[in-house]
C-alpha atoms as a PDB file:
ATOM      1  CA  MET A   1      71.109 -37.043  -4.326  1.00  0.00           C
ATOM      2  CA  LEU A   2      69.937 -39.409  -7.001  1.00  0.00           C
ATOM      3  CA  MET A   3      67.552 -42.252  -6.298  1.00  0.00           C
ATOM      4  CA  HIS A   4      66.961 -45.228  -8.563  1.00  0.00           C
ATOM      5  CA  ASP A   5      63.686 -47.126  -8.369  1.00  0.00           C
ATOM      6  CA  VAL A   6      64.541 -50.701  -9.354  1.00  0.00           C
ATOM      7  CA  TYR A   7      61.861 -52.733 -11.118  1.00  0.00           C
ATOM      8  CA  PHE A   8      61.675 -56.276 -12.440  1.00  0.00           C
ATOM      9  CA  LYS A   9      59.577 -57.135 -15.483  1.00  0.00           C
ATOM     10  CA  ASP A  10      58.382 -60.746 -15.356  1.00  0.00           C
ATOM     11  CA  TYR A  11      57.522 -61.537 -18.952  1.00  0.00           C
ATOM     12  CA  ARG A  12      55.912 -64.885 -18.125  1.00  0.00           C
ATOM     13  CA  LYS A  13      53.405 -63.403 -15.666  1.00  0.00           C
ATOM     14  CA  ARG A  14      53.247 -60.065 -17.502  1.00  0.00           C
ATOM     15  CA  GLN A  15      53.793 -58.155 -14.277  1.00  0.00           C
ATOM     16  CA  THR A  16      56.191 -55.460 -13.161  1.00  0.00           C
ATOM     17  CA  GLU A  17      57.331 -55.425  -9.530  1.00  0.00           C
ATOM     18  CA  LYS A  18      59.240 -52.751  -7.657  1.00  0.00           C
ATOM     19  CA  ILE A  19      62.206 -54.471  -6.036  1.00  0.00           C
ATOM     20  CA  ALA A  20      64.107 -51.696  -4.259  1.00  0.00           C
ATOM     21  CA  VAL A  21      65.245 -48.102  -4.141  1.00  0.00           C
ATOM     22  CA  LEU A  22      68.976 -47.442  -4.504  1.00  0.00           C
ATOM     23  CA  THR A  23      70.435 -44.139  -3.345  1.00  0.00           C
ATOM     24  CA  GLU A  24      73.587 -42.474  -4.655  1.00  0.00           C
ATOM     25  CA  ARG A  25      75.255 -39.479  -3.100  1.00  0.00           C
ATOM     26  CA  ARG A  26      78.052 -38.905  -5.570  1.00  0.00           C
ATOM     27  CA  GLY A  27      77.769 -36.186  -8.143  1.00  0.00           C
ATOM     28  CA  ASP A  28      76.246 -36.648 -11.599  1.00  0.00           C
ATOM     29  CA  PRO A  29      76.154 -40.453 -12.004  1.00  0.00           C
ATOM     30  CA  LEU A  30      75.159 -41.962 -15.302  1.00  0.00           C
ATOM     31  CA  ARG A  31      71.953 -43.940 -15.664  1.00  0.00           C
ATOM     32  CA  GLN A  32      73.899 -46.860 -17.104  1.00  0.00           C
ATOM     33  CA  ASP A  33      75.981 -47.064 -13.908  1.00  0.00           C
ATOM     34  CA  GLY A  34      72.787 -47.354 -11.841  1.00  0.00           C
ATOM     35  CA  LEU A  35      71.541 -50.151 -14.075  1.00  0.00           C
ATOM     36  CA  LYS A  36      74.810 -52.071 -13.753  1.00  0.00           C
ATOM     37  CA  TRP A  37      74.668 -51.596  -9.988  1.00  0.00           C
ATOM     38  CA  ALA A  38      71.077 -52.878  -9.797  1.00  0.00           C
ATOM     39  CA  ARG A  39      71.780 -55.894 -12.006  1.00  0.00           C
ATOM     40  CA  ARG A  40      74.832 -56.781  -9.950  1.00  0.00           C
ATOM     41  CA  LEU A  41      72.873 -56.600  -6.671  1.00  0.00           C
ATOM     42  CA  PHE A  42      69.590 -58.191  -7.730  1.00  0.00           C
ATOM     43  CA  GLY A  43      70.516 -60.263 -10.781  1.00  0.00           C
ATOM     44  CA  LYS A  44      70.936 -63.470  -8.771  1.00  0.00           C
ATOM     45  CA  MET A  45      67.608 -63.000  -6.980  1.00  0.00           C
ATOM     46  CA  VAL A  46      65.526 -63.099 -10.171  1.00  0.00           C
ATOM     47  CA  ARG A  47      65.424 -65.551 -13.059  1.00  0.00           C
ATOM     48  CA  ASP A  48      66.305 -63.145 -15.834  1.00  0.00           C
ATOM     49  CA  GLY A  49      68.706 -60.333 -14.996  1.00  0.00           C
ATOM     50  CA  HIS A  50      67.794 -58.527 -18.214  1.00  0.00           C
ATOM     51  CA  GLY A  51      64.273 -58.006 -16.871  1.00  0.00           C
ATOM     52  CA  ILE A  52      65.649 -55.520 -14.331  1.00  0.00           C
ATOM     53  CA  PHE A  53      65.320 -51.849 -15.197  1.00  0.00           C
ATOM     54  CA  ILE A  54      65.536 -48.590 -13.287  1.00  0.00           C
ATOM     55  CA  LEU A  55      63.811 -45.241 -13.228  1.00  0.00           C
ATOM     56  CA  HIS A  56      65.839 -42.493 -11.656  1.00  0.00           C
ATOM     57  CA  ARG A  57      64.665 -39.406  -9.875  1.00  0.00           C
ATOM     58  CA  GLU A  58      66.520 -36.548  -8.270  1.00  0.00           C
ATOM     59  CA  VAL A  59      65.652 -35.671  -4.710  1.00  0.00           C
ATOM     60  CA  GLU A  60      66.828 -32.498  -3.079  1.00  0.00           C
ATOM     61  CA  VAL A  61      67.763 -33.173   0.518  1.00  0.00           C
ATOM     62  CA  ARG A  62      68.502 -30.250   2.808  1.00  0.00           C
ATOM     63  CA  ILE A  63      70.107 -30.818   6.157  1.00  0.00           C
ATOM     64  CA  ASP A  64      69.962 -27.773   8.411  1.00  0.00           C
END
């Protein structure tokens, strides 16, 4: 499972805020796909959609 931490960089206030965490279950997604997904979901909520960036992390989930 791959998780994307979505952040927004506000250049006017010089602050970075964590907006959300997106989770993907499909195999081996590209980082660029996660960025497009985040900009599509949160681009209208913020002033500048180019201020959105992601950091991805892999999480191993075991269901017994």
